[in-house]
Structure formats: structure tokens, C-alpha cells
Amino acid sequence: MSTFDQRENAFEAKFAHDEEMVFKADARANKKLGLWAAELLGKSGEAAEDYAKSVVVSDFEEAGHDDVIRKVVADLDSKSDESTIRAKRRECLAMAKEEIANEA
């Protein structure tokens, strides 16, 4: 195998790893957002976990995070506004990235 092939394989492996980390961070952030929203909805225990899972699953509807935001905005109705929810998701994403970095 040539040096070029080795470098190409290394770049591909790094890209795959980086994409996996992004996916994990997004999923973890969405779960954290879901648990936060569940608390606002008065859910706890298994009901809160189930709601958080539904938020994670909602991210698979379309590219980006607007599908998650739309779901949480609709579910929270007047309990929170869209800008607060977007800010909370950014906060959750930062926490998720830090947690994943500390696990490695």
C-alpha cells in the first residue's frame, strides 16, 4: 500500500470518526433538551425518558434541527418560546460535546 493510500485511509477514518461524534453529540443534546422540556411539561421518571426519546426520534424527520425545535415548541405551547428553546438546545449541545470529549 502506498503512502498516498495510507493517508487517504487515515483521512477517511478520521472523517467517519468525526461524523460519528457529531451524531452522538446531537442525539445526546436532543435527549437533554427533551428531558428539560419534559420537566416543564410536568413529566418525570419513565414518562420523561419516553418524551426525551420522542424528541431524539423527531430529529430524523429532516436535515438540521428545525424538526426538533418545532416539536418542542408545539409540545410546550405557552410554557416556553422558540428563542428560549433554541438557546437551551445550544446549551445542551455544548454540554453533550464536553461530556463526549471527557469520555474519550
N, C-alpha and C. Protein backbone atom coordinates (compact mmCIF):
# COMPACT_ATOMS: atom_id res chain seq x y z
N MET A 1 0.85 -1.17 0.00
CA MET A 1 0.00 0.00 0.00
C MET A 1 0.90 1.24 0.00
N SER A 2 0.58 2.17 -0.84
CA SER A 2 1.39 3.38 -0.96
C SER A 2 1.11 4.34 0.19
N THR A 3 1.99 5.28 0.35
CA THR A 3 1.81 6.31 1.38
C THR A 3 0.55 7.11 1.11
N PHE A 4 0.28 7.36 -0.17
CA PHE A 4 -0.93 8.09 -0.53
C PHE A 4 -2.17 7.32 -0.08
N ASP A 5 -2.18 6.01 -0.33
CA ASP A 5 -3.32 5.19 0.08
C ASP A 5 -3.48 5.18 1.60
N GLN A 6 -2.37 5.12 2.30
CA GLN A 6 -2.42 5.13 3.76
C GLN A 6 -2.99 6.46 4.27
N ARG A 7 -2.55 7.56 3.67
CA ARG A 7 -3.06 8.87 4.07
C ARG A 7 -4.55 8.98 3.76
N GLU A 8 -4.95 8.48 2.59
CA GLU A 8 -6.36 8.53 2.22
C GLU A 8 -7.19 7.73 3.21
N ASN A 9 -6.74 6.54 3.58
CA ASN A 9 -7.46 5.72 4.55
C ASN A 9 -7.53 6.41 5.91
N ALA A 10 -6.45 7.07 6.30
CA ALA A 10 -6.43 7.78 7.59
C ALA A 10 -7.43 8.93 7.57
N PHE A 11 -7.48 9.69 6.47
CA PHE A 11 -8.43 10.79 6.36
C PHE A 11 -9.87 10.27 6.39
N GLU A 12 -10.12 9.17 5.69
CA GLU A 12 -11.47 8.59 5.68
C GLU A 12 -11.86 8.12 7.08
N ALA A 13 -10.93 7.50 7.78
CA ALA A 13 -11.22 7.03 9.14
C ALA A 13 -11.50 8.21 10.07
N LYS A 14 -10.72 9.28 9.94
CA LYS A 14 -10.94 10.46 10.77
C LYS A 14 -12.28 11.09 10.47
N PHE A 15 -12.62 11.19 9.19
CA PHE A 15 -13.91 11.76 8.80
C PHE A 15 -15.06 10.94 9.39
N ALA A 16 -14.97 9.62 9.28
CA ALA A 16 -16.02 8.75 9.83
C ALA A 16 -16.12 8.93 11.34
N HIS A 17 -15.00 9.00 12.01
CA HIS A 17 -15.00 9.19 13.46
C HIS A 17 -15.62 10.53 13.83
N ASP A 18 -15.23 11.59 13.13
CA ASP A 18 -15.77 12.92 13.42
C ASP A 18 -17.28 12.97 13.20
N GLU A 19 -17.75 12.35 12.14
CA GLU A 19 -19.19 12.32 11.87
C GLU A 19 -19.95 11.54 12.95
N GLU A 20 -19.36 10.46 13.41
CA GLU A 20 -19.97 9.68 14.49
C GLU A 20 -20.07 10.52 15.76
N MET A 21 -19.04 11.29 16.06
CA MET A 21 -19.05 12.14 17.25
C MET A 21 -20.11 13.24 17.13
N VAL A 22 -20.27 13.80 15.94
CA VAL A 22 -21.31 14.81 15.71
C VAL A 22 -22.69 14.20 15.93
N PHE A 23 -22.90 13.00 15.39
CA PHE A 23 -24.19 12.32 15.55
C PHE A 23 -24.47 12.06 17.02
N LYS A 24 -23.48 11.55 17.74
CA LYS A 24 -23.66 11.26 19.17
C LYS A 24 -23.95 12.53 19.96
N ALA A 25 -23.24 13.61 19.66
CA ALA A 25 -23.46 14.87 20.37
C ALA A 25 -24.85 15.41 20.10
N ASP A 26 -25.29 15.35 18.85
CA ASP A 26 -26.65 15.81 18.51
C ASP A 26 -27.71 14.99 19.22
N ALA A 27 -27.56 13.68 19.20
CA ALA A 27 -28.54 12.82 19.86
C ALA A 27 -28.57 13.08 21.36
N ARG A 28 -27.40 13.23 21.97
CA ARG A 28 -27.33 13.49 23.42
C ARG A 28 -27.93 14.85 23.74
N ALA A 29 -27.66 15.85 22.91
CA ALA A 29 -28.22 17.19 23.12
C ALA A 29 -29.74 17.16 23.01
N ASN A 30 -30.24 16.42 22.02
CA ASN A 30 -31.69 16.32 21.85
C ASN A 30 -32.34 15.63 23.04
N LYS A 31 -31.67 14.61 23.58
CA LYS A 31 -32.21 13.94 24.76
C LYS A 31 -32.23 14.89 25.96
N LYS A 32 -31.16 15.65 26.14
CA LYS A 32 -31.11 16.62 27.23
C LYS A 32 -32.22 17.67 27.06
N LEU A 33 -32.41 18.14 25.83
CA LEU A 33 -33.48 19.10 25.56
C LEU A 33 -34.83 18.47 25.88
N GLY A 34 -35.00 17.21 25.50
CA GLY A 34 -36.25 16.51 25.78
C GLY A 34 -36.52 16.36 27.26
N LEU A 35 -35.47 16.06 28.03
CA LEU A 35 -35.64 15.94 29.48
C LEU A 35 -35.98 17.29 30.11
N TRP A 36 -35.36 18.35 29.60
CA TRP A 36 -35.68 19.70 30.07
C TRP A 36 -37.15 20.04 29.77
N ALA A 37 -37.58 19.76 28.55
CA ALA A 37 -38.97 20.04 28.15
C ALA A 37 -39.94 19.18 28.94
N ALA A 38 -39.57 17.93 29.18
CA ALA A 38 -40.43 17.03 29.94
C ALA A 38 -40.67 17.58 31.34
N GLU A 39 -39.63 18.15 31.93
CA GLU A 39 -39.78 18.74 33.26
C GLU A 39 -40.77 19.90 33.22
N LEU A 40 -40.68 20.73 32.18
CA LEU A 40 -41.63 21.85 32.03
C LEU A 40 -43.06 21.34 31.83
N LEU A 41 -43.17 20.15 31.23
CA LEU A 41 -44.49 19.56 30.99
C LEU A 41 -45.01 18.80 32.21
N GLY A 42 -44.20 18.72 33.26
CA GLY A 42 -44.62 18.03 34.48
C GLY A 42 -44.40 16.53 34.43
N LYS A 43 -43.58 16.07 33.50
CA LYS A 43 -43.31 14.64 33.37
C LYS A 43 -42.07 14.29 34.19
N SER A 44 -42.06 13.08 34.71
CA SER A 44 -40.88 12.62 35.44
C SER A 44 -40.73 11.11 35.23
N GLY A 45 -39.59 10.59 35.64
CA GLY A 45 -39.34 9.17 35.55
C GLY A 45 -39.41 8.63 34.13
N GLU A 46 -40.12 7.53 33.98
CA GLU A 46 -40.23 6.87 32.68
C GLU A 46 -40.94 7.74 31.64
N ALA A 47 -41.93 8.51 32.07
CA ALA A 47 -42.64 9.39 31.15
C ALA A 47 -41.70 10.45 30.58
N ALA A 48 -40.81 10.98 31.41
CA ALA A 48 -39.83 11.96 30.94
C ALA A 48 -38.84 11.32 29.97
N GLU A 49 -38.37 10.11 30.29
CA GLU A 49 -37.45 9.40 29.39
C GLU A 49 -38.11 9.11 28.05
N ASP A 50 -39.38 8.68 28.09
CA ASP A 50 -40.10 8.40 26.84
C ASP A 50 -40.26 9.66 26.00
N TYR A 51 -40.55 10.77 26.66
CA TYR A 51 -40.69 12.03 25.92
C TYR A 51 -39.34 12.42 25.31
N ALA A 52 -38.27 12.29 26.08
CA ALA A 52 -36.93 12.63 25.58
C ALA A 52 -36.58 11.78 24.36
N LYS A 53 -36.95 10.50 24.39
CA LYS A 53 -36.70 9.63 23.24
C LYS A 53 -37.49 10.11 22.02
N SER A 54 -38.71 10.58 22.25
CA SER A 54 -39.51 11.07 21.12
C SER A 54 -38.88 12.32 20.50
N VAL A 55 -38.21 13.12 21.32
CA VAL A 55 -37.51 14.30 20.80
C VAL A 55 -36.32 13.85 19.95
N VAL A 56 -35.59 12.86 20.43
CA VAL A 56 -34.44 12.34 19.67
C VAL A 56 -34.90 11.80 18.32
N VAL A 57 -35.98 11.03 18.33
CA VAL A 57 -36.51 10.43 17.09
C VAL A 57 -36.99 11.51 16.12
N SER A 58 -37.52 12.60 16.65
CA SER A 58 -38.03 13.66 15.78
C SER A 58 -36.93 14.29 14.94
N ASP A 59 -35.67 14.13 15.35
CA ASP A 59 -34.56 14.71 14.59
C ASP A 59 -34.32 13.99 13.27
N PHE A 60 -34.91 12.82 13.09
CA PHE A 60 -34.70 12.06 11.86
C PHE A 60 -35.70 12.43 10.77
N GLU A 61 -36.58 13.38 11.03
CA GLU A 61 -37.58 13.77 10.04
C GLU A 61 -36.99 14.54 8.87
N GLU A 62 -36.02 15.40 9.16
CA GLU A 62 -35.40 16.21 8.10
C GLU A 62 -34.00 16.62 8.55
N ALA A 63 -33.23 17.11 7.62
CA ALA A 63 -31.87 17.56 7.95
C ALA A 63 -31.95 18.80 8.84
N GLY A 64 -30.96 18.95 9.70
CA GLY A 64 -30.94 20.10 10.60
C GLY A 64 -31.73 19.83 11.87
N HIS A 65 -31.87 20.87 12.66
CA HIS A 65 -32.51 20.70 13.96
C HIS A 65 -33.87 21.39 14.06
N ASP A 66 -34.33 21.93 12.95
CA ASP A 66 -35.62 22.62 12.99
C ASP A 66 -36.77 21.69 13.33
N ASP A 67 -36.67 20.42 12.93
CA ASP A 67 -37.73 19.47 13.26
C ASP A 67 -37.82 19.26 14.76
N VAL A 68 -36.69 19.23 15.45
CA VAL A 68 -36.67 19.08 16.90
C VAL A 68 -37.27 20.32 17.56
N ILE A 69 -36.83 21.47 17.10
CA ILE A 69 -37.32 22.73 17.67
C ILE A 69 -38.84 22.84 17.48
N ARG A 70 -39.32 22.52 16.28
CA ARG A 70 -40.76 22.58 16.01
C ARG A 70 -41.54 21.69 16.96
N LYS A 71 -41.04 20.46 17.17
CA LYS A 71 -41.74 19.53 18.06
C LYS A 71 -41.81 20.07 19.48
N VAL A 72 -40.68 20.53 19.98
CA VAL A 72 -40.65 21.01 21.37
C VAL A 72 -41.48 22.28 21.53
N VAL A 73 -41.40 23.19 20.55
CA VAL A 73 -42.22 24.41 20.60
C VAL A 73 -43.70 24.04 20.65
N ALA A 74 -44.11 23.13 19.78
CA ALA A 74 -45.52 22.72 19.74
C ALA A 74 -45.93 22.04 21.04
N ASP A 75 -45.08 21.18 21.56
CA ASP A 75 -45.42 20.46 22.79
C ASP A 75 -45.47 21.37 24.01
N LEU A 76 -44.56 22.34 24.07
CA LEU A 76 -44.53 23.23 25.24
C LEU A 76 -45.58 24.33 25.15
N ASP A 77 -46.07 24.59 23.95
CA ASP A 77 -47.11 25.58 23.73
C ASP A 77 -46.72 26.91 24.37
N SER A 78 -47.37 27.33 25.41
CA SER A 78 -47.10 28.64 26.02
C SER A 78 -46.10 28.57 27.18
N LYS A 79 -45.56 27.39 27.45
CA LYS A 79 -44.64 27.23 28.57
C LYS A 79 -43.24 27.77 28.26
N SER A 80 -42.92 27.92 26.98
CA SER A 80 -41.64 28.45 26.57
C SER A 80 -41.74 28.93 25.12
N ASP A 81 -40.89 29.86 24.75
CA ASP A 81 -40.93 30.35 23.37
C ASP A 81 -39.78 29.76 22.56
N GLU A 82 -39.85 29.96 21.25
CA GLU A 82 -38.89 29.34 20.34
C GLU A 82 -37.45 29.78 20.61
N SER A 83 -37.24 31.05 20.88
CA SER A 83 -35.87 31.52 21.11
C SER A 83 -35.28 30.90 22.38
N THR A 84 -36.08 30.73 23.39
CA THR A 84 -35.61 30.09 24.62
C THR A 84 -35.27 28.63 24.36
N ILE A 85 -36.08 27.97 23.57
CA ILE A 85 -35.85 26.55 23.25
C ILE A 85 -34.58 26.40 22.41
N ARG A 86 -34.39 27.28 21.44
CA ARG A 86 -33.17 27.24 20.63
C ARG A 86 -31.93 27.48 21.50
N ALA A 87 -32.01 28.42 22.41
CA ALA A 87 -30.89 28.70 23.31
C ALA A 87 -30.61 27.49 24.21
N LYS A 88 -31.66 26.86 24.68
CA LYS A 88 -31.49 25.68 25.53
C LYS A 88 -30.85 24.54 24.75
N ARG A 89 -31.22 24.38 23.48
CA ARG A 89 -30.61 23.32 22.66
C ARG A 89 -29.12 23.60 22.45
N ARG A 90 -28.77 24.85 22.21
CA ARG A 90 -27.35 25.19 22.07
C ARG A 90 -26.59 24.87 23.35
N GLU A 91 -27.19 25.19 24.48
CA GLU A 91 -26.59 24.87 25.78
C GLU A 91 -26.44 23.36 25.95
N CYS A 92 -27.47 22.62 25.58
CA CYS A 92 -27.43 21.15 25.68
C CYS A 92 -26.36 20.57 24.76
N LEU A 93 -26.21 21.14 23.57
CA LEU A 93 -25.21 20.66 22.63
C LEU A 93 -23.80 20.90 23.18
N ALA A 94 -23.58 22.05 23.76
CA ALA A 94 -22.27 22.34 24.36
C ALA A 94 -21.96 21.35 25.47
N MET A 95 -22.96 21.06 26.32
CA MET A 95 -22.76 20.09 27.40
C MET A 95 -22.47 18.70 26.84
N ALA A 96 -23.23 18.31 25.80
CA ALA A 96 -23.06 16.99 25.20
C ALA A 96 -21.67 16.84 24.61
N LYS A 97 -21.20 17.86 23.90
CA LYS A 97 -19.86 17.79 23.30
C LYS A 97 -18.79 17.67 24.38
N GLU A 98 -18.96 18.40 25.47
CA GLU A 98 -17.99 18.34 26.56
C GLU A 98 -17.99 16.95 27.20
N GLU A 99 -19.17 16.39 27.42
CA GLU A 99 -19.28 15.05 28.00
C GLU A 99 -18.60 14.02 27.12
N ILE A 100 -18.84 14.09 25.82
CA ILE A 100 -18.25 13.12 24.89
C ILE A 100 -16.74 13.28 24.85
N ALA A 101 -16.26 14.50 24.87
CA ALA A 101 -14.81 14.73 24.86
C ALA A 101 -14.17 14.17 26.13
N ASN A 102 -14.87 14.28 27.25
CA ASN A 102 -14.32 13.76 28.51
C ASN A 102 -14.37 12.24 28.61
N GLU A 103 -15.25 11.63 27.81
CA GLU A 103 -15.35 10.16 27.79
C GLU A 103 -14.21 9.54 27.00
N ALA A 104 -13.67 10.28 26.06
CA ALA A 104 -12.64 9.73 25.16
C ALA A 104 -11.30 9.58 25.84
